[in-house]
Amino acid sequence: TMRQTSPAAQAFPLYIHDGFDLEQYSAFVANRSDFVVQAHHSYFVFTPSDVAEPASQHTEDIRGSLYDALQQASDSQRRNLVVDEFSCALTDQSLAGEEDPDQARRDFCEGQMDIYQNVTAGWAFWGMLLTSA
């Protein structure tokens, strides 16, 4: 419907937010021949399992299973995938068991930037600071 509004709309890129579910629109975007991009947001602080997981494990997940999932989605979509929001935010609980919390956060952030830059069509950083109440 949006493509039919004007001649310019036929070529304008349309971005679809996947609702934090990478697989939700992957097949849809992969099967499009027009300029449709999946926008994924990547955060590691909102679920109980995110809170409980150590920062170093989040970094391993980014370099392992998340990398694999993003690579597969990006390949099938002809790289029409962006990580439209991510941050370096980790909870106090995730950082508590780390020997060097500052280094753990840097590793986490650098791991994300490396993968998002090299596997997707781009990324946008969302500065977000979480503190305990």
C-alpha atoms as a PDB file:
ATOM      1  CA  THR A   1       0.000   0.000   0.000  1.00  0.00           C
ATOM      2  CA  MET A   2       2.784   2.432   0.862  1.00  0.00           C
ATOM      3  CA  ARG A   3       4.497   1.780  -2.483  1.00  0.00           C
ATOM      4  CA  GLN A   4       1.328   2.872  -4.314  1.00  0.00           C
ATOM      5  CA  THR A   5       1.100   6.362  -2.764  1.00  0.00           C
ATOM      6  CA  SER A   6       3.419   8.044  -5.304  1.00  0.00           C
ATOM      7  CA  PRO A   7       6.100   7.294  -7.890  1.00  0.00           C
ATOM      8  CA  ALA A   8       8.810   8.258  -5.381  1.00  0.00           C
ATOM      9  CA  ALA A   9       7.390   5.815  -2.831  1.00  0.00           C
ATOM     10  CA  GLN A  10       8.082   2.932  -5.206  1.00  0.00           C
ATOM     11  CA  ALA A  11      11.835   3.253  -4.623  1.00  0.00           C
ATOM     12  CA  PHE A  12      11.944   4.751  -1.130  1.00  0.00           C
ATOM     13  CA  PRO A  13      13.460   2.393   1.455  1.00  0.00           C
ATOM     14  CA  LEU A  14      10.946   0.959   3.902  1.00  0.00           C
ATOM     15  CA  TYR A  15      12.240  -0.100   7.303  1.00  0.00           C
ATOM     16  CA  ILE A  16      10.401  -2.713   9.350  1.00  0.00           C
ATOM     17  CA  HIS A  17      11.145  -3.007  13.061  1.00  0.00           C
ATOM     18  CA  ASP A  18      11.136  -6.689  13.951  1.00  0.00           C
ATOM     19  CA  GLY A  19       9.849  -6.247  17.504  1.00  0.00           C
ATOM     20  CA  PHE A  20      13.128  -7.600  18.978  1.00  0.00           C
ATOM     21  CA  ASP A  21      12.589 -10.900  17.163  1.00  0.00           C
ATOM     22  CA  LEU A  22      15.222 -11.330  14.464  1.00  0.00           C
ATOM     23  CA  GLU A  23      13.364 -14.150  12.747  1.00  0.00           C
ATOM     24  CA  GLN A  24       9.953 -12.434  12.652  1.00  0.00           C
ATOM     25  CA  TYR A  25      10.445 -10.633   9.318  1.00  0.00           C
ATOM     26  CA  SER A  26      13.568 -12.292   7.944  1.00  0.00           C
ATOM     27  CA  ALA A  27      11.719 -14.395   5.366  1.00  0.00           C
ATOM     28  CA  PHE A  28       9.451 -11.470   4.432  1.00  0.00           C
ATOM     29  CA  VAL A  29      12.421  -9.171   3.741  1.00  0.00           C
ATOM     30  CA  ALA A  30      14.353 -11.957   1.980  1.00  0.00           C
ATOM     31  CA  ASN A  31      11.466 -12.488  -0.436  1.00  0.00           C
ATOM     32  CA  ARG A  32      11.044  -8.813  -1.350  1.00  0.00           C
ATOM     33  CA  SER A  33      12.504  -7.451  -4.572  1.00  0.00           C
ATOM     34  CA  ASP A  34      11.981  -3.811  -3.568  1.00  0.00           C
ATOM     35  CA  PHE A  35      13.999  -1.818  -1.030  1.00  0.00           C
ATOM     36  CA  VAL A  36      12.777  -3.187   2.305  1.00  0.00           C
ATOM     37  CA  VAL A  37      15.101  -3.325   5.308  1.00  0.00           C
ATOM     38  CA  GLN A  38      14.671  -5.143   8.592  1.00  0.00           C
ATOM     39  CA  ALA A  39      15.545  -2.998  11.620  1.00  0.00           C
ATOM     40  CA  HIS A  40      16.646  -5.013  14.631  1.00  0.00           C
ATOM     41  CA  HIS A  41      17.251  -3.600  18.123  1.00  0.00           C
ATOM     42  CA  SER A  42      19.750  -5.350  20.345  1.00  0.00           C
ATOM     43  CA  TYR A  43      19.682  -4.964  24.132  1.00  0.00           C
ATOM     44  CA  PHE A  44      20.868  -7.182  26.966  1.00  0.00           C
ATOM     45  CA  VAL A  45      19.221  -5.687  30.063  1.00  0.00           C
ATOM     46  CA  PHE A  46      15.467  -6.188  29.950  1.00  0.00           C
ATOM     47  CA  THR A  47      14.783  -9.840  30.722  1.00  0.00           C
ATOM     48  CA  PRO A  48      15.511 -11.741  33.944  1.00  0.00           C
ATOM     49  CA  SER A  49      17.959 -13.968  32.049  1.00  0.00           C
ATOM     50  CA  ASP A  50      19.771 -10.853  30.718  1.00  0.00           C
ATOM     51  CA  VAL A  51      20.082  -9.492  34.250  1.00  0.00           C
ATOM     52  CA  ALA A  52      21.430 -12.786  35.622  1.00  0.00           C
ATOM     53  CA  GLU A  53      23.929 -13.445  32.830  1.00  0.00           C
ATOM     54  CA  PRO A  54      27.507 -12.251  33.414  1.00  0.00           C
ATOM     55  CA  ALA A  55      28.881  -9.600  31.066  1.00  0.00           C
ATOM     56  CA  SER A  56      31.536 -11.962  29.733  1.00  0.00           C
ATOM     57  CA  GLN A  57      28.826 -14.484  28.781  1.00  0.00           C
ATOM     58  CA  HIS A  58      26.890 -11.761  26.938  1.00  0.00           C
ATOM     59  CA  THR A  59      30.087 -11.052  24.989  1.00  0.00           C
ATOM     60  CA  GLU A  60      30.482 -14.747  24.170  1.00  0.00           C
ATOM     61  CA  ASP A  61      26.841 -14.857  23.020  1.00  0.00           C
ATOM     62  CA  ILE A  62      27.432 -11.864  20.748  1.00  0.00           C
ATOM     63  CA  ARG A  63      30.477 -13.481  19.165  1.00  0.00           C
ATOM     64  CA  GLY A  64      28.755 -16.878  18.924  1.00  0.00           C
ATOM     65  CA  SER A  65      25.018 -17.421  18.624  1.00  0.00           C
ATOM     66  CA  LEU A  66      24.047 -13.798  17.911  1.00  0.00           C
ATOM     67  CA  TYR A  67      26.756 -13.514  15.261  1.00  0.00           C
ATOM     68  CA  ASP A  68      25.485 -16.707  13.607  1.00  0.00           C
ATOM     69  CA  ALA A  69      21.845 -15.545  13.684  1.00  0.00           C
ATOM     70  CA  LEU A  70      22.670 -12.098  12.268  1.00  0.00           C
ATOM     71  CA  GLN A  71      24.913 -13.584   9.580  1.00  0.00           C
ATOM     72  CA  GLN A  72      22.215 -16.010   8.469  1.00  0.00           C
ATOM     73  CA  ALA A  73      19.507 -13.327   8.409  1.00  0.00           C
ATOM     74  CA  SER A  74      21.740 -10.822   6.647  1.00  0.00           C
ATOM     75  CA  ASP A  75      22.808 -13.342   3.993  1.00  0.00           C
ATOM     76  CA  SER A  76      19.230 -14.401   3.253  1.00  0.00           C
ATOM     77  CA  GLN A  77      18.088 -10.758   3.037  1.00  0.00           C
ATOM     78  CA  ARG A  78      20.857  -9.636   0.701  1.00  0.00           C
ATOM     79  CA  ARG A  79      22.242  -7.646   3.662  1.00  0.00           C
ATOM     80  CA  ASN A  80      19.035  -5.606   4.017  1.00  0.00           C
ATOM     81  CA  LEU A  81      19.374  -5.791   7.798  1.00  0.00           C
ATOM     82  CA  VAL A  82      20.452  -3.058  10.202  1.00  0.00           C
ATOM     83  CA  VAL A  83      20.875  -3.032  13.959  1.00  0.00           C
ATOM     84  CA  ASP A  84      18.985   0.209  14.342  1.00  0.00           C
ATOM     85  CA  GLU A  85      19.552   0.466  18.082  1.00  0.00           C
ATOM     86  CA  PHE A  86      22.059  -1.024  20.466  1.00  0.00           C
ATOM     87  CA  SER A  87      23.903   0.105  23.549  1.00  0.00           C
ATOM     88  CA  CYS A  88      26.736  -0.899  25.832  1.00  0.00           C
ATOM     89  CA  ALA A  89      24.355  -1.054  28.776  1.00  0.00           C
ATOM     90  CA  LEU A  90      24.737  -3.945  31.171  1.00  0.00           C
ATOM     91  CA  THR A  91      23.130  -4.354  34.565  1.00  0.00           C
ATOM     92  CA  ASP A  92      25.038  -4.077  37.809  1.00  0.00           C
ATOM     93  CA  GLN A  93      24.321  -7.781  38.329  1.00  0.00           C
ATOM     94  CA  SER A  94      25.919  -8.679  34.982  1.00  0.00           C
ATOM     95  CA  LEU A  95      29.043  -6.762  35.909  1.00  0.00           C
ATOM     96  CA  ALA A  96      29.216  -7.853  39.563  1.00  0.00           C
ATOM     97  CA  GLY A  97      31.191 -11.058  39.047  1.00  0.00           C
ATOM     98  CA  GLU A  98      33.632  -9.649  36.517  1.00  0.00           C
ATOM     99  CA  GLU A  99      37.258  -9.198  37.586  1.00  0.00           C
ATOM    100  CA  ASP A 100      37.484  -5.909  35.656  1.00  0.00           C
ATOM    101  CA  PRO A 101      33.960  -4.519  35.053  1.00  0.00           C
ATOM    102  CA  ASP A 102      35.215  -1.658  32.863  1.00  0.00           C
ATOM    103  CA  GLN A 103      37.092  -4.061  30.586  1.00  0.00           C
ATOM    104  CA  ALA A 104      34.098  -6.403  30.503  1.00  0.00           C
ATOM    105  CA  ARG A 105      31.887  -3.530  29.311  1.00  0.00           C
ATOM    106  CA  ARG A 106      34.470  -2.483  26.681  1.00  0.00           C
ATOM    107  CA  ASP A 107      34.725  -6.059  25.389  1.00  0.00           C
ATOM    108  CA  PHE A 108      30.924  -6.257  25.242  1.00  0.00           C
ATOM    109  CA  CYS A 109      30.602  -2.969  23.374  1.00  0.00           C
ATOM    110  CA  GLU A 110      33.481  -3.609  20.960  1.00  0.00           C
ATOM    111  CA  GLY A 111      32.151  -7.086  20.223  1.00  0.00           C
ATOM    112  CA  GLN A 112      28.797  -5.641  19.229  1.00  0.00           C
ATOM    113  CA  MET A 113      30.281  -2.897  17.044  1.00  0.00           C
ATOM    114  CA  ASP A 114      32.537  -5.360  15.248  1.00  0.00           C
ATOM    115  CA  ILE A 115      29.758  -7.782  14.445  1.00  0.00           C
ATOM    116  CA  TYR A 116      27.111  -5.199  13.560  1.00  0.00           C
ATOM    117  CA  GLN A 117      29.550  -3.385  11.260  1.00  0.00           C
ATOM    118  CA  ASN A 118      30.781  -6.505   9.506  1.00  0.00           C
ATOM    119  CA  VAL A 119      27.610  -8.600   9.291  1.00  0.00           C
ATOM    120  CA  THR A 120      24.788  -6.089   8.754  1.00  0.00           C
ATOM    121  CA  ALA A 121      24.262  -3.057   6.530  1.00  0.00           C
ATOM    122  CA  GLY A 122      24.792  -0.708   9.460  1.00  0.00           C
ATOM    123  CA  TRP A 123      24.036   0.186  13.055  1.00  0.00           C
ATOM    124  CA  ALA A 124      22.950   3.037  15.310  1.00  0.00           C
ATOM    125  CA  PHE A 125      24.239   3.422  18.856  1.00  0.00           C
ATOM    126  CA  TRP A 126      21.752   4.315  21.560  1.00  0.00           C
ATOM    127  CA  GLY A 127      23.466   5.729  24.648  1.00  0.00           C
ATOM    128  CA  MET A 128      21.712   4.303  27.651  1.00  0.00           C
ATOM    129  CA  LEU A 129      22.782   4.257  31.265  1.00  0.00           C
ATOM    130  CA  LEU A 130      21.109   1.919  33.728  1.00  0.00           C
ATOM    131  CA  THR A 131      21.656   2.145  37.426  1.00  0.00           C
ATOM    132  CA  SER A 132      20.291   0.167  40.309  1.00  0.00           C
ATOM    133  CA  ALA A 133      17.603   1.718  42.447  1.00  0.00           C
END
